[in-house]
Amino acid sequence: KRLLLSEEGIAHRKRRCWDVEAVFGNIKQNMGFKRFMLRGMDKITTEMGLIAMAHNLKKFSIA
């Protein structure tokens, strides 16, 4: 809790909301993801995991 309330922790939390939004924006705009193809929480979790892995592989291939 002490780390969260420090100046560094506050700055990290402020950055995080923008970082996450950029990831979802990239997935939607650049990868063409509009909606889930499957139904059911387990299947959606698996599908989102695959999308996240594709995003990470794409990110690492650029670096």
Protein backbone atom coordinates (compact mmCIF):
# COMPACT_ATOMS: atom_id res chain seq x y z
CA LYS A 1 0.00 0.00 0.00
CA ARG A 2 2.88 2.31 0.77
CA LEU A 3 4.23 1.83 -2.76
CA LEU A 4 0.85 2.63 -4.31
CA LEU A 5 0.65 5.92 -2.43
CA SER A 6 4.21 7.00 -3.27
CA GLU A 7 4.82 9.53 -6.04
CA GLU A 8 6.22 6.79 -8.27
CA GLY A 9 3.17 4.61 -7.66
CA ILE A 10 0.77 7.43 -8.48
CA ALA A 11 2.67 8.21 -11.70
CA HIS A 12 2.60 4.52 -12.66
CA ARG A 13 -1.17 4.31 -12.13
CA LYS A 14 -1.73 7.42 -14.26
CA ARG A 15 0.36 5.95 -17.11
CA ARG A 16 -1.31 2.56 -16.91
CA CYS A 17 -4.78 3.73 -17.93
CA TRP A 18 -3.37 5.22 -21.14
CA ASP A 19 -1.18 2.19 -21.88
CA VAL A 20 -4.08 -0.27 -21.63
CA GLU A 21 -6.37 1.89 -23.75
CA ALA A 22 -3.73 2.02 -26.49
CA VAL A 23 -3.50 -1.79 -26.54
CA PHE A 24 -7.24 -2.23 -27.05
CA GLY A 25 -7.27 0.54 -29.65
CA ASN A 26 -4.46 -1.20 -31.53
CA ILE A 27 -6.26 -4.54 -31.40
CA LYS A 28 -9.50 -3.01 -32.67
CA GLN A 29 -8.12 -0.68 -35.33
CA ASN A 30 -4.93 -2.29 -36.63
CA MET A 31 -5.81 -5.95 -36.17
CA GLY A 32 -9.43 -5.52 -37.28
CA PHE A 33 -11.05 -7.02 -34.18
CA LYS A 34 -14.70 -5.99 -33.98
CA ARG A 35 -16.52 -8.67 -31.99
CA PHE A 36 -16.06 -12.11 -30.49
CA MET A 37 -16.85 -15.03 -32.78
CA LEU A 38 -17.75 -17.43 -29.97
CA ARG A 39 -20.25 -17.38 -27.10
CA GLY A 40 -19.74 -18.34 -23.47
CA MET A 41 -17.29 -16.97 -20.94
CA ASP A 42 -14.77 -19.83 -21.28
CA LYS A 43 -14.67 -19.53 -25.06
CA ILE A 44 -14.41 -15.73 -24.95
CA THR A 45 -11.57 -15.98 -22.44
CA THR A 46 -9.73 -18.35 -24.78
CA GLU A 47 -10.38 -16.12 -27.79
CA MET A 48 -9.17 -13.02 -25.95
CA GLY A 49 -6.06 -14.93 -24.88
CA LEU A 50 -5.30 -15.77 -28.51
CA ILE A 51 -5.81 -12.14 -29.52
CA ALA A 52 -3.50 -10.99 -26.72
CA MET A 53 -0.83 -13.51 -27.77
CA ALA A 54 -1.06 -12.31 -31.37
CA HIS A 55 -0.69 -8.71 -30.18
CA ASN A 56 2.37 -9.60 -28.07
CA LEU A 57 4.01 -11.57 -30.89
CA LYS A 58 3.45 -8.67 -33.26
CA LYS A 59 4.91 -6.26 -30.72
CA PHE A 60 8.00 -8.43 -30.13
CA SER A 61 8.59 -8.96 -33.86
CA ILE A 62 8.84 -5.20 -34.36
CA ALA A 63 11.29 -4.70 -31.48
